[in-house]
C-alpha atoms as a PDB file:
ATOM      1  CA  UNK A   1     -40.357  49.497  60.029  1.00  0.00           C
ATOM      2  CA  UNK A   2     -40.295  50.780  57.117  1.00  0.00           C
ATOM      3  CA  UNK A   3     -38.586  50.181  59.664  1.00  0.00           C
ATOM      4  CA  UNK A   4     -42.158  49.364  59.156  1.00  0.00           C
ATOM      5  CA  UNK A   5     -40.880  46.677  57.894  1.00  0.00           C
ATOM      6  CA  UNK A   6     -38.857  47.336  59.640  1.00  0.00           C
ATOM      7  CA  UNK A   7     -41.790  46.542  58.150  1.00  0.00           C
ATOM      8  CA  UNK A   8     -40.814  47.466  55.383  1.00  0.00           C
ATOM      9  CA  UNK A   9     -41.160  47.535  53.396  1.00  0.00           C
ATOM     10  CA  UNK A  10     -41.978  47.493  49.774  1.00  0.00           C
ATOM     11  CA  UNK A  11     -43.537  47.372  42.773  1.00  0.00           C
ATOM     12  CA  UNK A  12     -41.132  48.288  42.809  1.00  0.00           C
ATOM     13  CA  UNK A  13     -40.601  48.385  39.195  1.00  0.00           C
ATOM     14  CA  UNK A  14     -39.117  45.345  37.597  1.00  0.00           C
ATOM     15  CA  UNK A  15     -35.474  45.200  38.508  1.00  0.00           C
ATOM     16  CA  UNK A  16     -34.378  44.470  34.998  1.00  0.00           C
ATOM     17  CA  UNK A  17     -35.960  47.668  33.783  1.00  0.00           C
ATOM     18  CA  UNK A  18     -33.055  49.746  35.055  1.00  0.00           C
ATOM     19  CA  UNK A  19     -30.829  50.693  32.155  1.00  0.00           C
ATOM     20  CA  UNK A  20     -27.088  51.214  32.465  1.00  0.00           C
ATOM     21  CA  UNK A  21     -24.244  51.288  30.049  1.00  0.00           C
ATOM     22  CA  UNK A  22     -23.117  47.806  29.048  1.00  0.00           C
ATOM     23  CA  UNK A  23     -19.583  48.866  29.867  1.00  0.00           C
ATOM     24  CA  UNK A  24     -20.465  49.785  33.458  1.00  0.00           C
ATOM     25  CA  UNK A  25     -19.627  47.439  36.289  1.00  0.00           C
ATOM     26  CA  UNK A  26     -22.690  46.428  38.267  1.00  0.00           C
ATOM     27  CA  UNK A  27     -23.454  44.726  41.556  1.00  0.00           C
ATOM     28  CA  UNK A  28     -26.612  42.794  42.361  1.00  0.00           C
ATOM     29  CA  UNK A  29     -27.835  42.100  45.883  1.00  0.00           C
ATOM     30  CA  UNK A  30     -30.287  39.262  46.474  1.00  0.00           C
ATOM     31  CA  UNK A  31     -31.460  39.183  50.073  1.00  0.00           C
ATOM     32  CA  UNK A  32     -34.166  37.477  52.079  1.00  0.00           C
ATOM     33  CA  UNK A  33     -35.115  38.446  55.611  1.00  0.00           C
ATOM     34  CA  UNK A  34     -37.146  36.736  58.308  1.00  0.00           C
ATOM     35  CA  UNK A  35     -39.150  38.809  60.805  1.00  0.00           C
ATOM     36  CA  UNK A  36     -39.572  37.300  64.259  1.00  0.00           C
ATOM     37  CA  UNK A  37     -41.125  38.394  67.551  1.00  0.00           C
ATOM     38  CA  UNK A  38     -39.745  36.664  70.644  1.00  0.00           C
ATOM     39  CA  UNK A  39     -38.343  34.013  68.307  1.00  0.00           C
ATOM     40  CA  UNK A  40     -41.676  33.352  66.579  1.00  0.00           C
ATOM     41  CA  UNK A  41     -41.787  33.875  62.800  1.00  0.00           C
ATOM     42  CA  UNK A  42     -44.318  36.570  61.876  1.00  0.00           C
ATOM     43  CA  UNK A  43     -43.210  37.807  58.481  1.00  0.00           C
ATOM     44  CA  UNK A  44     -40.701  37.802  55.660  1.00  0.00           C
ATOM     45  CA  UNK A  45     -39.141  40.213  53.220  1.00  0.00           C
ATOM     46  CA  UNK A  46     -37.281  39.828  49.948  1.00  0.00           C
ATOM     47  CA  UNK A  47     -34.972  42.584  48.748  1.00  0.00           C
ATOM     48  CA  UNK A  48     -33.344  42.840  45.323  1.00  0.00           C
ATOM     49  CA  UNK A  49     -30.986  45.631  44.391  1.00  0.00           C
ATOM     50  CA  UNK A  50     -29.032  46.445  41.258  1.00  0.00           C
ATOM     51  CA  UNK A  51     -26.245  49.009  41.543  1.00  0.00           C
ATOM     52  CA  UNK A  52     -24.072  50.627  38.906  1.00  0.00           C
ATOM     53  CA  UNK A  53     -21.668  53.546  39.275  1.00  0.00           C
ATOM     54  CA  UNK A  54     -24.400  55.898  38.038  1.00  0.00           C
ATOM     55  CA  UNK A  55     -27.778  54.459  39.051  1.00  0.00           C
ATOM     56  CA  UNK A  56     -29.640  51.856  41.090  1.00  0.00           C
ATOM     57  CA  UNK A  57     -32.949  50.046  41.525  1.00  0.00           C
ATOM     58  CA  UNK A  58     -34.420  48.323  44.576  1.00  0.00           C
ATOM     59  CA  UNK A  59     -37.420  46.000  44.773  1.00  0.00           C
ATOM     60  CA  UNK A  60     -38.816  44.756  48.093  1.00  0.00           C
ATOM     61  CA  UNK A  61     -41.757  42.463  48.847  1.00  0.00           C
ATOM     62  CA  UNK A  62     -42.973  41.850  52.371  1.00  0.00           C
ATOM     63  CA  UNK A  63     -45.716  40.219  54.406  1.00  0.00           C
ATOM     64  CA  UNK A  64     -46.514  40.385  58.130  1.00  0.00           C
ATOM     65  CA  UNK A  65     -48.973  38.063  59.845  1.00  0.00           C
ATOM     66  CA  UNK A  66     -49.690  36.508  63.231  1.00  0.00           C
ATOM     67  CA  UNK A  67     -50.262  38.132  66.577  1.00  0.00           C
ATOM     68  CA  UNK A  68     -48.179  41.165  65.638  1.00  0.00           C
ATOM     69  CA  UNK A  69     -51.148  42.242  63.495  1.00  0.00           C
ATOM     70  CA  UNK A  70     -52.256  44.108  66.624  1.00  0.00           C
ATOM     71  CA  UNK A  71     -49.486  46.541  65.669  1.00  0.00           C
ATOM     72  CA  UNK A  72     -48.868  46.061  61.949  1.00  0.00           C
ATOM     73  CA  UNK A  73     -50.185  43.709  59.318  1.00  0.00           C
ATOM     74  CA  UNK A  74     -50.581  43.221  55.620  1.00  0.00           C
ATOM     75  CA  UNK A  75     -48.377  42.717  52.600  1.00  0.00           C
ATOM     76  CA  UNK A  76     -46.913  44.959  49.995  1.00  0.00           C
ATOM     77  CA  UNK A  77     -44.450  45.752  47.259  1.00  0.00           C
ATOM     78  CA  UNK A  78     -42.184  48.765  47.174  1.00  0.00           C
ATOM     79  CA  UNK A  79     -39.706  49.940  44.561  1.00  0.00           C
ATOM     80  CA  UNK A  80     -37.378  52.773  43.810  1.00  0.00           C
ATOM     81  CA  UNK A  81     -35.216  53.853  40.889  1.00  0.00           C
ATOM     82  CA  UNK A  82     -32.576  56.523  41.296  1.00  0.00           C
ATOM     83  CA  UNK A  83     -29.146  57.921  40.569  1.00  0.00           C
ATOM     84  CA  UNK A  84     -25.842  57.601  42.402  1.00  0.00           C
ATOM     85  CA  UNK A  85     -24.593  61.156  42.988  1.00  0.00           C
ATOM     86  CA  UNK A  86     -21.325  61.776  44.822  1.00  0.00           C
ATOM     87  CA  UNK A  87     -21.474  58.219  46.115  1.00  0.00           C
ATOM     88  CA  UNK A  88     -24.961  58.672  47.579  1.00  0.00           C
ATOM     89  CA  UNK A  89     -28.288  57.256  46.384  1.00  0.00           C
ATOM     90  CA  UNK A  90     -30.694  59.894  45.149  1.00  0.00           C
ATOM     91  CA  UNK A  91     -34.190  58.598  44.288  1.00  0.00           C
ATOM     92  CA  UNK A  92     -36.002  59.583  41.117  1.00  0.00           C
ATOM     93  CA  UNK A  93     -39.230  57.620  41.588  1.00  0.00           C
ATOM     94  CA  UNK A  94     -40.700  55.569  44.412  1.00  0.00           C
ATOM     95  CA  UNK A  95     -43.722  53.240  44.120  1.00  0.00           C
ATOM     96  CA  UNK A  96     -45.542  51.480  46.949  1.00  0.00           C
ATOM     97  CA  UNK A  97     -48.527  49.122  46.837  1.00  0.00           C
ATOM     98  CA  UNK A  98     -49.762  47.844  50.208  1.00  0.00           C
ATOM     99  CA  UNK A  99     -52.800  45.733  51.109  1.00  0.00           C
ATOM    100  CA  UNK A 100     -53.988  45.568  54.706  1.00  0.00           C
ATOM    101  CA  UNK A 101     -57.145  43.564  55.341  1.00  0.00           C
ATOM    102  CA  UNK A 102     -59.560  44.984  52.720  1.00  0.00           C
ATOM    103  CA  UNK A 103     -57.760  48.302  52.347  1.00  0.00           C
ATOM    104  CA  UNK A 104     -55.414  49.106  49.476  1.00  0.00           C
ATOM    105  CA  UNK A 105     -52.945  51.967  49.460  1.00  0.00           C
ATOM    106  CA  UNK A 106     -51.015  52.973  46.334  1.00  0.00           C
ATOM    107  CA  UNK A 107     -48.297  55.623  46.441  1.00  0.00           C
ATOM    108  CA  UNK A 108     -46.159  57.189  43.721  1.00  0.00           C
ATOM    109  CA  UNK A 109     -43.507  59.786  44.486  1.00  0.00           C
ATOM    110  CA  UNK A 110     -41.415  61.719  42.006  1.00  0.00           C
ATOM    111  CA  UNK A 111     -38.270  63.276  43.485  1.00  0.00           C
ATOM    112  CA  UNK A 112     -36.188  66.205  42.350  1.00  0.00           C
ATOM    113  CA  UNK A 113     -33.028  65.899  44.376  1.00  0.00           C
ATOM    114  CA  UNK A 114     -34.166  65.628  47.987  1.00  0.00           C
ATOM    115  CA  UNK A 115     -37.463  67.389  47.304  1.00  0.00           C
ATOM    116  CA  UNK A 116     -40.795  65.757  46.528  1.00  0.00           C
ATOM    117  CA  UNK A 117     -41.694  66.977  43.042  1.00  0.00           C
ATOM    118  CA  UNK A 118     -44.860  64.915  42.516  1.00  0.00           C
ATOM    119  CA  UNK A 119     -47.023  62.869  44.885  1.00  0.00           C
ATOM    120  CA  UNK A 120     -49.961  60.597  44.097  1.00  0.00           C
ATOM    121  CA  UNK A 121     -51.694  58.705  46.910  1.00  0.00           C
ATOM    122  CA  UNK A 122     -54.706  56.414  46.543  1.00  0.00           C
ATOM    123  CA  UNK A 123     -56.039  55.419  49.960  1.00  0.00           C
ATOM    124  CA  UNK A 124     -59.217  55.172  52.033  1.00  0.00           C
ATOM    125  CA  UNK A 125     -60.509  58.391  53.647  1.00  0.00           C
ATOM    126  CA  UNK A 126     -58.049  59.673  56.254  1.00  0.00           C
ATOM    127  CA  UNK A 127     -58.777  59.122  59.919  1.00  0.00           C
ATOM    128  CA  UNK A 128     -59.604  62.204  61.975  1.00  0.00           C
ATOM    129  CA  UNK A 129     -56.458  61.851  64.112  1.00  0.00           C
ATOM    130  CA  UNK A 130     -54.064  61.836  61.153  1.00  0.00           C
ATOM    131  CA  UNK A 131     -51.337  64.478  61.622  1.00  0.00           C
ATOM    132  CA  UNK A 132     -51.258  66.761  58.537  1.00  0.00           C
ATOM    133  CA  UNK A 133     -48.085  66.824  56.434  1.00  0.00           C
ATOM    134  CA  UNK A 134     -46.856  70.387  55.826  1.00  0.00           C
ATOM    135  CA  UNK A 135     -45.070  71.176  52.563  1.00  0.00           C
ATOM    136  CA  UNK A 136     -41.852  71.791  54.496  1.00  0.00           C
ATOM    137  CA  UNK A 137     -41.822  68.095  55.440  1.00  0.00           C
ATOM    138  CA  UNK A 138     -41.495  67.162  51.753  1.00  0.00           C
ATOM    139  CA  UNK A 139     -38.113  68.864  51.406  1.00  0.00           C
ATOM    140  CA  UNK A 140     -34.755  67.342  52.356  1.00  0.00           C
ATOM    141  CA  UNK A 141     -36.175  63.809  52.404  1.00  0.00           C
ATOM    142  CA  UNK A 142     -35.402  60.340  51.069  1.00  0.00           C
ATOM    143  CA  UNK A 143     -37.521  57.223  50.563  1.00  0.00           C
ATOM    144  CA  UNK A 144     -37.267  54.286  53.035  1.00  0.00           C
ATOM    145  CA  UNK A 145     -35.460  51.974  50.577  1.00  0.00           C
ATOM    146  CA  UNK A 146     -32.789  54.349  49.288  1.00  0.00           C
ATOM    147  CA  UNK A 147     -32.143  55.538  52.847  1.00  0.00           C
ATOM    148  CA  UNK A 148     -30.645  52.192  53.847  1.00  0.00           C
ATOM    149  CA  UNK A 149     -27.984  52.203  51.161  1.00  0.00           C
ATOM    150  CA  UNK A 150     -25.602  54.000  53.501  1.00  0.00           C
ATOM    151  CA  UNK A 151     -22.522  55.728  52.002  1.00  0.00           C
ATOM    152  CA  UNK A 152     -19.309  54.383  53.510  1.00  0.00           C
ATOM    153  CA  UNK A 153     -15.758  55.716  53.489  1.00  0.00           C
ATOM    154  CA  UNK A 154     -12.310  54.214  53.113  1.00  0.00           C
ATOM    155  CA  UNK A 155     -12.950  52.326  56.359  1.00  0.00           C
ATOM    156  CA  UNK A 156     -16.478  50.853  56.125  1.00  0.00           C
ATOM    157  CA  UNK A 157     -16.443  50.109  59.866  1.00  0.00           C
ATOM    158  CA  UNK A 158     -15.701  53.713  60.848  1.00  0.00           C
ATOM    159  CA  UNK A 159     -18.114  55.263  63.346  1.00  0.00           C
ATOM    160  CA  UNK A 160     -18.878  58.037  60.859  1.00  0.00           C
ATOM    161  CA  UNK A 161     -20.965  55.569  58.838  1.00  0.00           C
ATOM    162  CA  UNK A 162     -23.576  55.700  61.583  1.00  0.00           C
ATOM    163  CA  UNK A 163     -23.518  59.400  62.322  1.00  0.00           C
ATOM    164  CA  UNK A 164     -26.482  60.646  60.290  1.00  0.00           C
ATOM    165  CA  UNK A 165     -30.207  61.372  60.463  1.00  0.00           C
ATOM    166  CA  UNK A 166     -32.413  59.861  57.762  1.00  0.00           C
ATOM    167  CA  UNK A 167     -35.358  62.113  56.934  1.00  0.00           C
ATOM    168  CA  UNK A 168     -37.800  59.493  55.668  1.00  0.00           C
ATOM    169  CA  UNK A 169     -40.877  60.116  53.543  1.00  0.00           C
ATOM    170  CA  UNK A 170     -42.964  57.239  52.180  1.00  0.00           C
ATOM    171  CA  UNK A 171     -45.775  59.331  50.682  1.00  0.00           C
ATOM    172  CA  UNK A 172     -48.041  59.018  53.690  1.00  0.00           C
ATOM    173  CA  UNK A 173     -45.740  59.568  56.660  1.00  0.00           C
ATOM    174  CA  UNK A 174     -42.717  61.687  57.432  1.00  0.00           C
ATOM    175  CA  UNK A 175     -40.383  60.524  60.211  1.00  0.00           C
ATOM    176  CA  UNK A 176     -36.753  60.833  61.260  1.00  0.00           C
ATOM    177  CA  UNK A 177     -34.369  57.994  62.051  1.00  0.00           C
ATOM    178  CA  UNK A 178     -31.369  59.354  63.941  1.00  0.00           C
ATOM    179  CA  UNK A 179     -28.459  56.903  63.684  1.00  0.00           C
ATOM    180  CA  UNK A 180     -25.507  56.845  66.069  1.00  0.00           C
ATOM    181  CA  UNK A 181     -22.473  54.579  66.363  1.00  0.00           C
ATOM    182  CA  UNK A 182     -22.931  51.726  68.814  1.00  0.00           C
ATOM    183  CA  UNK A 183     -20.194  49.173  68.079  1.00  0.00           C
ATOM    184  CA  UNK A 184     -18.706  46.854  65.509  1.00  0.00           C
ATOM    185  CA  UNK A 185     -19.626  43.179  65.676  1.00  0.00           C
ATOM    186  CA  UNK A 186     -19.461  39.929  63.737  1.00  0.00           C
ATOM    187  CA  UNK A 187     -22.276  38.265  61.850  1.00  0.00           C
ATOM    188  CA  UNK A 188     -22.363  34.914  60.104  1.00  0.00           C
ATOM    189  CA  UNK A 189     -22.540  35.042  56.313  1.00  0.00           C
ATOM    190  CA  UNK A 190     -24.220  32.656  53.864  1.00  0.00           C
ATOM    191  CA  UNK A 191     -21.078  30.511  53.629  1.00  0.00           C
ATOM    192  CA  UNK A 192     -20.772  30.257  57.398  1.00  0.00           C
ATOM    193  CA  UNK A 193     -17.865  32.672  57.570  1.00  0.00           C
ATOM    194  CA  UNK A 194     -18.047  35.489  60.101  1.00  0.00           C
ATOM    195  CA  UNK A 195     -17.803  39.027  58.768  1.00  0.00           C
ATOM    196  CA  UNK A 196     -17.657  42.440  60.337  1.00  0.00           C
ATOM    197  CA  UNK A 197     -20.765  44.582  60.690  1.00  0.00           C
ATOM    198  CA  UNK A 198     -21.226  48.194  61.678  1.00  0.00           C
ATOM    199  CA  UNK A 199     -23.922  48.436  64.360  1.00  0.00           C
ATOM    200  CA  UNK A 200     -25.863  51.695  64.671  1.00  0.00           C
ATOM    201  CA  UNK A 201     -28.497  52.652  67.206  1.00  0.00           C
ATOM    202  CA  UNK A 202     -31.694  54.243  65.867  1.00  0.00           C
ATOM    203  CA  UNK A 203     -33.959  56.831  67.453  1.00  0.00           C
ATOM    204  CA  UNK A 204     -37.384  57.005  65.783  1.00  0.00           C
ATOM    205  CA  UNK A 205     -39.157  60.372  65.757  1.00  0.00           C
ATOM    206  CA  UNK A 206     -42.572  60.730  64.063  1.00  0.00           C
ATOM    207  CA  UNK A 207     -42.952  64.046  62.273  1.00  0.00           C
ATOM    208  CA  UNK A 208     -46.253  64.036  60.362  1.00  0.00           C
ATOM    209  CA  UNK A 209     -48.681  61.862  58.422  1.00  0.00           C
ATOM    210  CA  UNK A 210     -49.055  59.320  61.235  1.00  0.00           C
ATOM    211  CA  UNK A 211     -52.118  58.713  63.377  1.00  0.00           C
ATOM    212  CA  UNK A 212     -51.725  60.257  66.810  1.00  0.00           C
ATOM    213  CA  UNK A 213     -53.356  57.124  68.267  1.00  0.00           C
ATOM    214  CA  UNK A 214     -51.163  54.660  66.323  1.00  0.00           C
ATOM    215  CA  UNK A 215     -49.930  51.801  68.498  1.00  0.00           C
ATOM    216  CA  UNK A 216     -47.012  51.217  66.168  1.00  0.00           C
ATOM    217  CA  UNK A 217     -45.855  54.838  66.356  1.00  0.00           C
ATOM    218  CA  UNK A 218     -46.115  54.824  70.142  1.00  0.00           C
ATOM    219  CA  UNK A 219     -44.286  51.482  70.260  1.00  0.00           C
ATOM    220  CA  UNK A 220     -41.350  52.787  68.220  1.00  0.00           C
ATOM    221  CA  UNK A 221     -41.177  56.292  69.695  1.00  0.00           C
ATOM    222  CA  UNK A 222     -40.941  55.207  73.346  1.00  0.00           C
ATOM    223  CA  UNK A 223     -37.163  55.397  73.314  1.00  0.00           C
ATOM    224  CA  UNK A 224     -36.746  51.702  72.615  1.00  0.00           C
ATOM    225  CA  UNK A 225     -33.400  50.071  71.975  1.00  0.00           C
ATOM    226  CA  UNK A 226     -33.408  49.901  68.176  1.00  0.00           C
ATOM    227  CA  UNK A 227     -30.332  48.968  66.191  1.00  0.00           C
ATOM    228  CA  UNK A 228     -29.396  48.189  62.600  1.00  0.00           C
ATOM    229  CA  UNK A 229     -26.443  46.071  61.440  1.00  0.00           C
ATOM    230  CA  UNK A 230     -24.777  47.200  58.220  1.00  0.00           C
ATOM    231  CA  UNK A 231     -22.248  45.351  56.049  1.00  0.00           C
ATOM    232  CA  UNK A 232     -20.220  46.594  53.051  1.00  0.00           C
ATOM    233  CA  UNK A 233     -21.591  45.863  49.594  1.00  0.00           C
ATOM    234  CA  UNK A 234     -18.727  44.303  47.656  1.00  0.00           C
ATOM    235  CA  UNK A 235     -17.631  46.389  44.686  1.00  0.00           C
ATOM    236  CA  UNK A 236     -19.158  49.622  46.045  1.00  0.00           C
ATOM    237  CA  UNK A 237     -18.598  52.158  48.815  1.00  0.00           C
ATOM    238  CA  UNK A 238     -22.075  51.519  50.229  1.00  0.00           C
ATOM    239  CA  UNK A 239     -23.339  49.688  53.307  1.00  0.00           C
ATOM    240  CA  UNK A 240     -26.590  47.695  53.411  1.00  0.00           C
ATOM    241  CA  UNK A 241     -28.645  46.275  56.314  1.00  0.00           C
ATOM    242  CA  UNK A 242     -28.492  42.612  57.351  1.00  0.00           C
ATOM    243  CA  UNK A 243     -30.243  42.900  60.721  1.00  0.00           C
ATOM    244  CA  UNK A 244     -32.707  45.235  62.421  1.00  0.00           C
ATOM    245  CA  UNK A 245     -33.876  44.728  65.991  1.00  0.00           C
ATOM    246  CA  UNK A 246     -36.374  46.472  68.276  1.00  0.00           C
ATOM    247  CA  UNK A 247     -36.319  45.686  71.992  1.00  0.00           C
ATOM    248  CA  UNK A 248     -39.639  44.943  73.706  1.00  0.00           C
ATOM    249  CA  UNK A 249     -40.790  43.570  77.054  1.00  0.00           C
ATOM    250  CA  UNK A 250     -42.785  41.000  75.079  1.00  0.00           C
ATOM    251  CA  UNK A 251     -39.652  39.856  73.280  1.00  0.00           C
ATOM    252  CA  UNK A 252     -37.369  41.429  70.719  1.00  0.00           C
ATOM    253  CA  UNK A 253     -38.631  42.055  67.202  1.00  0.00           C
ATOM    254  CA  UNK A 254     -35.848  41.082  64.788  1.00  0.00           C
ATOM    255  CA  UNK A 255     -35.552  41.383  61.027  1.00  0.00           C
ATOM    256  CA  UNK A 256     -32.618  39.107  60.129  1.00  0.00           C
ATOM    257  CA  UNK A 257     -31.123  38.329  56.731  1.00  0.00           C
ATOM    258  CA  UNK A 258     -31.351  34.602  56.017  1.00  0.00           C
ATOM    259  CA  UNK A 259     -29.717  35.198  52.637  1.00  0.00           C
ATOM    260  CA  UNK A 260     -27.520  38.094  51.570  1.00  0.00           C
ATOM    261  CA  UNK A 261     -25.720  37.480  48.299  1.00  0.00           C
ATOM    262  CA  UNK A 262     -23.786  40.061  46.299  1.00  0.00           C
ATOM    263  CA  UNK A 263     -22.802  39.344  42.715  1.00  0.00           C
ATOM    264  CA  UNK A 264     -20.507  41.464  40.558  1.00  0.00           C
ATOM    265  CA  UNK A 265     -21.919  41.748  37.045  1.00  0.00           C
ATOM    266  CA  UNK A 266     -20.338  42.801  33.786  1.00  0.00           C
ATOM    267  CA  UNK A 267     -22.322  44.390  30.997  1.00  0.00           C
ATOM    268  CA  UNK A 268     -22.518  41.036  29.222  1.00  0.00           C
ATOM    269  CA  UNK A 269     -23.686  39.218  32.362  1.00  0.00           C
ATOM    270  CA  UNK A 270     -26.760  41.312  33.020  1.00  0.00           C
END
């Protein structure tokens, strides 16, 4: 939600600002997602990604409204620029700008490998029940956008694609998402054709930075049935999300791709 989108979500720096060699093959992902609760539309997210063999950039814009504002609300932009190292995304800089009611929160993170090198946060005074973030929770982490470019193997549907824990840090909160293999399934693509998806379960564990009284944190940490659907990104060895769902007695919360287009680019076509 981030998973806050899934909420998540997040200016990012202009996508075209990412420089790569003109000789490098590139892939662009243009995706749009709809967020629903019990079938009722409550938000939307756009996601743009540019990948090359050596680097990447992601830009996400999201807005959540309606009755779900009891849990989460607002709108924001998030971006990340990073390197591809050993087939894995490694962020260099992460930027988040979120507006909720009259409050504005701006975050900038500079990474050095998996360690937070620099952190700037502009936000209202912290609430008294905010769990402090120890320095140890800023090591071995990844931002919420880069985390969901999942490295795949020779078989993108292999269970190993799910078997990982994502140590997420968004500048204000540190939490773990433990993924596990659930099944493979089919999902309908933009052209109506059905394609295979790797379905992973997710266990959400808050670590620090969250409010101990947060309804959203309690909602996600109650051992709910959370799953993410991942599909291969053509021209890469990465997987990307097309669906995220959270089970609830009030009705499932679902973030579903309504558009997910991948385009192979040459240096001249950028």
